[in-house]
Structures are given as C-alpha cells and as structure tokens.
Amino acid sequence: MDGRPGIDGRQWLDSYQDRLSELKARADRAQAALAGVDGTAASPDGAVSVTVVPGGAVRRVVFSERSEALSRVQLAALVVETAARAQAEADRRVTEAVAPLLGDDSEAMRVIRSYRGAGS
C-alpha cells in the first residue's frame, strides 16, 4: 500500500466482513427472540384480559362473565388500564429477550430502557 507497517487491505476487508457477519447474526438472533414476544395482563377482578404486542397494538381482549356487571364506562376504563399493564409486561419481555444479545450495560440497552421509562 503506502509502505507503512500495519494491516493490509485484504486483512482490513476480512476483518470488516467478519464484523458485518457478527452484526447480522446478532440481528437475526434478536429478531428470532422478539418474534413471539407479547404481554398479557388481567384486571384485578378477572373481568378483562388484554394481550398486546411490543409497540402497544392490541392483539386480543377477553371479557369474562364478571364484565357483565360493569357499566360501559367502567369496562372501557378497565380495558385501558389492563392494556397499559400488558404493555409494561411486553416491554419487560422485550428487554429480557434482547439484553443477552446487546449486552446488559450497552448503549443500545440504555436507549431501550429510557424509551420504556418514557412510555410508562
């Protein structure tokens, strides 16, 4: 190259490709770990159960017979409260799934935790 000692172009390229391969493998593992993550919560009285995916989209709402004793306003409030608890559970499960891949003390985990805190 320029006569200076050090790494040659081929060594640098091989090293760079190795790093890219490792990053892709980590991304693939993270994607697989997150594929089935959701969060489910039930209301304290058991009238409502809500399942959400990361990001908050509601996947399922189940009403038990206990829900029949509630007014529509009470039931709506209970669904919203229960969905928020389900979202917190989904967030916790996301963190558990990606921490081993990203490193518990990594900058990426700090970002994930700060986002969780902002949404809570």
C-alpha atoms as a PDB file:
ATOM      1  CA  MET A   1       0.000   0.000   0.000  1.00  0.00           C
ATOM      2  CA  ASP A   2       1.899   3.116   1.131  1.00  0.00           C
ATOM      3  CA  GLY A   3       4.892   1.392   2.694  1.00  0.00           C
ATOM      4  CA  ARG A   4       3.760   1.987   6.276  1.00  0.00           C
ATOM      5  CA  PRO A   5       3.617  -1.045   8.556  1.00  0.00           C
ATOM      6  CA  GLY A   6       0.236  -2.246   9.666  1.00  0.00           C
ATOM      7  CA  ILE A   7      -2.776  -4.035   8.340  1.00  0.00           C
ATOM      8  CA  ASP A   8      -3.031  -4.583   4.606  1.00  0.00           C
ATOM      9  CA  GLY A   9      -6.191  -4.027   2.589  1.00  0.00           C
ATOM     10  CA  ARG A  10      -7.153  -7.689   2.466  1.00  0.00           C
ATOM     11  CA  GLN A  11      -6.787  -8.109   6.234  1.00  0.00           C
ATOM     12  CA  TRP A  12      -8.887  -4.998   6.804  1.00  0.00           C
ATOM     13  CA  LEU A  13     -11.601  -6.230   4.425  1.00  0.00           C
ATOM     14  CA  ASP A  14     -11.644  -9.677   6.056  1.00  0.00           C
ATOM     15  CA  SER A  15     -11.917  -8.081   9.494  1.00  0.00           C
ATOM     16  CA  TYR A  16     -14.716  -5.790   8.311  1.00  0.00           C
ATOM     17  CA  GLN A  17     -16.625  -8.702   6.756  1.00  0.00           C
ATOM     18  CA  ASP A  18     -16.250 -10.673   9.992  1.00  0.00           C
ATOM     19  CA  ARG A  19     -17.729  -7.751  11.957  1.00  0.00           C
ATOM     20  CA  LEU A  20     -20.614  -7.454   9.491  1.00  0.00           C
ATOM     21  CA  SER A  21     -21.298 -11.185   9.739  1.00  0.00           C
ATOM     22  CA  GLU A  22     -21.345 -10.989  13.533  1.00  0.00           C
ATOM     23  CA  LEU A  23     -23.700  -7.988  13.465  1.00  0.00           C
ATOM     24  CA  LYS A  24     -26.051  -9.806  11.085  1.00  0.00           C
ATOM     25  CA  ALA A  25     -26.002 -12.909  13.285  1.00  0.00           C
ATOM     26  CA  ARG A  26     -26.833 -10.788  16.346  1.00  0.00           C
ATOM     27  CA  ALA A  27     -29.644  -9.049  14.465  1.00  0.00           C
ATOM     28  CA  ASP A  28     -31.033 -12.409  13.339  1.00  0.00           C
ATOM     29  CA  ARG A  29     -30.927 -13.720  16.930  1.00  0.00           C
ATOM     30  CA  ALA A  30     -32.671 -10.580  18.194  1.00  0.00           C
ATOM     31  CA  GLN A  31     -35.360 -10.883  15.542  1.00  0.00           C
ATOM     32  CA  ALA A  32     -35.944 -14.529  16.466  1.00  0.00           C
ATOM     33  CA  ALA A  33     -36.042 -13.683  20.179  1.00  0.00           C
ATOM     34  CA  LEU A  34     -38.623 -10.954  19.576  1.00  0.00           C
ATOM     35  CA  ALA A  35     -40.812 -12.912  17.155  1.00  0.00           C
ATOM     36  CA  GLY A  36     -43.156 -14.291  19.795  1.00  0.00           C
ATOM     37  CA  VAL A  37     -42.939 -11.528  22.384  1.00  0.00           C
ATOM     38  CA  ASP A  38     -46.170 -10.058  23.667  1.00  0.00           C
ATOM     39  CA  GLY A  39     -47.595  -9.055  27.010  1.00  0.00           C
ATOM     40  CA  THR A  40     -50.788 -10.174  28.697  1.00  0.00           C
ATOM     41  CA  ALA A  41     -52.454  -8.782  31.795  1.00  0.00           C
ATOM     42  CA  ALA A  42     -55.734  -9.439  33.539  1.00  0.00           C
ATOM     43  CA  SER A  43     -57.726  -6.940  35.533  1.00  0.00           C
ATOM     44  CA  PRO A  44     -57.603  -7.481  39.306  1.00  0.00           C
ATOM     45  CA  ASP A  45     -61.216  -8.691  39.318  1.00  0.00           C
ATOM     46  CA  GLY A  46     -60.676 -11.003  36.324  1.00  0.00           C
ATOM     47  CA  ALA A  47     -63.282  -9.221  34.198  1.00  0.00           C
ATOM     48  CA  VAL A  48     -60.854  -8.342  31.400  1.00  0.00           C
ATOM     49  CA  SER A  49     -57.709  -9.840  29.913  1.00  0.00           C
ATOM     50  CA  VAL A  50     -55.677  -7.953  27.296  1.00  0.00           C
ATOM     51  CA  THR A  51     -52.756  -9.091  25.145  1.00  0.00           C
ATOM     52  CA  VAL A  52     -50.586  -6.551  23.325  1.00  0.00           C
ATOM     53  CA  VAL A  53     -47.523  -6.770  21.101  1.00  0.00           C
ATOM     54  CA  PRO A  54     -44.445  -4.597  21.602  1.00  0.00           C
ATOM     55  CA  GLY A  55     -45.372  -1.112  20.487  1.00  0.00           C
ATOM     56  CA  GLY A  56     -48.792  -1.392  22.093  1.00  0.00           C
ATOM     57  CA  ALA A  57     -51.018  -2.841  19.373  1.00  0.00           C
ATOM     58  CA  VAL A  58     -53.806  -4.840  20.975  1.00  0.00           C
ATOM     59  CA  ARG A  59     -53.780  -8.439  19.840  1.00  0.00           C
ATOM     60  CA  ARG A  60     -56.626  -9.791  21.978  1.00  0.00           C
ATOM     61  CA  VAL A  61     -59.232  -8.667  24.507  1.00  0.00           C
ATOM     62  CA  VAL A  62     -61.201 -11.229  26.506  1.00  0.00           C
ATOM     63  CA  PHE A  63     -64.179 -10.416  28.730  1.00  0.00           C
ATOM     64  CA  SER A  64     -65.220 -12.835  31.440  1.00  0.00           C
ATOM     65  CA  GLU A  65     -68.728 -13.102  32.862  1.00  0.00           C
ATOM     66  CA  ARG A  66     -67.640 -10.638  35.570  1.00  0.00           C
ATOM     67  CA  SER A  67     -67.508  -7.918  32.916  1.00  0.00           C
ATOM     68  CA  GLU A  68     -71.302  -8.073  32.555  1.00  0.00           C
ATOM     69  CA  ALA A  69     -71.726  -6.371  35.939  1.00  0.00           C
ATOM     70  CA  LEU A  70     -69.755  -3.310  34.795  1.00  0.00           C
ATOM     71  CA  SER A  71     -71.058  -0.242  33.038  1.00  0.00           C
ATOM     72  CA  ARG A  72     -69.641   0.574  29.596  1.00  0.00           C
ATOM     73  CA  VAL A  73     -67.633   3.427  31.135  1.00  0.00           C
ATOM     74  CA  GLN A  74     -66.192   1.130  33.831  1.00  0.00           C
ATOM     75  CA  LEU A  75     -65.444  -1.569  31.285  1.00  0.00           C
ATOM     76  CA  ALA A  76     -63.717   0.867  28.923  1.00  0.00           C
ATOM     77  CA  ALA A  77     -61.549   2.213  31.763  1.00  0.00           C
ATOM     78  CA  LEU A  78     -60.703  -1.317  32.850  1.00  0.00           C
ATOM     79  CA  VAL A  79     -59.653  -2.263  29.303  1.00  0.00           C
ATOM     80  CA  VAL A  80     -57.378   0.802  29.060  1.00  0.00           C
ATOM     81  CA  GLU A  81     -55.801   0.153  32.483  1.00  0.00           C
ATOM     82  CA  THR A  82     -55.304  -3.532  31.730  1.00  0.00           C
ATOM     83  CA  ALA A  83     -53.828  -2.791  28.295  1.00  0.00           C
ATOM     84  CA  ALA A  84     -51.299  -0.446  29.938  1.00  0.00           C
ATOM     85  CA  ARG A  85     -50.240  -3.232  32.303  1.00  0.00           C
ATOM     86  CA  ALA A  86     -49.999  -5.647  29.364  1.00  0.00           C
ATOM     87  CA  GLN A  87     -47.784  -3.122  27.564  1.00  0.00           C
ATOM     88  CA  ALA A  88     -45.493  -2.933  30.592  1.00  0.00           C
ATOM     89  CA  GLU A  89     -45.255  -6.731  30.512  1.00  0.00           C
ATOM     90  CA  ALA A  90     -44.435  -6.700  26.777  1.00  0.00           C
ATOM     91  CA  ASP A  91     -41.731  -4.074  27.400  1.00  0.00           C
ATOM     92  CA  ARG A  92     -40.235  -6.194  30.181  1.00  0.00           C
ATOM     93  CA  ARG A  93     -40.198  -9.259  27.925  1.00  0.00           C
ATOM     94  CA  VAL A  94     -38.545  -7.318  25.081  1.00  0.00           C
ATOM     95  CA  THR A  95     -35.815  -6.189  27.452  1.00  0.00           C
ATOM     96  CA  GLU A  96     -35.280  -9.752  28.680  1.00  0.00           C
ATOM     97  CA  ALA A  97     -35.114 -11.049  25.097  1.00  0.00           C
ATOM     98  CA  VAL A  98     -32.560  -8.572  23.780  1.00  0.00           C
ATOM     99  CA  ALA A  99     -30.341  -7.950  26.826  1.00  0.00           C
ATOM    100  CA  PRO A 100     -28.248 -11.105  26.289  1.00  0.00           C
ATOM    101  CA  LEU A 101     -27.718 -10.138  22.643  1.00  0.00           C
ATOM    102  CA  LEU A 102     -26.971  -6.456  23.101  1.00  0.00           C
ATOM    103  CA  GLY A 103     -25.197  -6.610  26.417  1.00  0.00           C
ATOM    104  CA  ASP A 104     -26.973  -5.522  29.569  1.00  0.00           C
ATOM    105  CA  ASP A 105     -24.786  -2.430  30.005  1.00  0.00           C
ATOM    106  CA  SER A 106     -24.658  -1.440  26.331  1.00  0.00           C
ATOM    107  CA  GLU A 107     -25.717   1.907  24.924  1.00  0.00           C
ATOM    108  CA  ALA A 108     -28.473   0.109  23.000  1.00  0.00           C
ATOM    109  CA  MET A 109     -29.920  -1.268  26.253  1.00  0.00           C
ATOM    110  CA  ARG A 110     -29.776   2.196  27.832  1.00  0.00           C
ATOM    111  CA  VAL A 111     -31.805   3.528  24.899  1.00  0.00           C
ATOM    112  CA  ILE A 112     -34.347   0.709  25.219  1.00  0.00           C
ATOM    113  CA  ARG A 113     -34.684   1.286  28.957  1.00  0.00           C
ATOM    114  CA  SER A 114     -35.059   5.065  28.524  1.00  0.00           C
ATOM    115  CA  TYR A 115     -37.766   4.506  25.920  1.00  0.00           C
ATOM    116  CA  ARG A 116     -39.596   2.134  28.254  1.00  0.00           C
ATOM    117  CA  GLY A 117     -39.420   4.716  31.023  1.00  0.00           C
ATOM    118  CA  ALA A 118     -40.812   7.420  28.747  1.00  0.00           C
ATOM    119  CA  GLY A 119     -43.771   5.284  27.759  1.00  0.00           C
ATOM    120  CA  SER A 120     -44.666   4.194  31.284  1.00  0.00           C
END
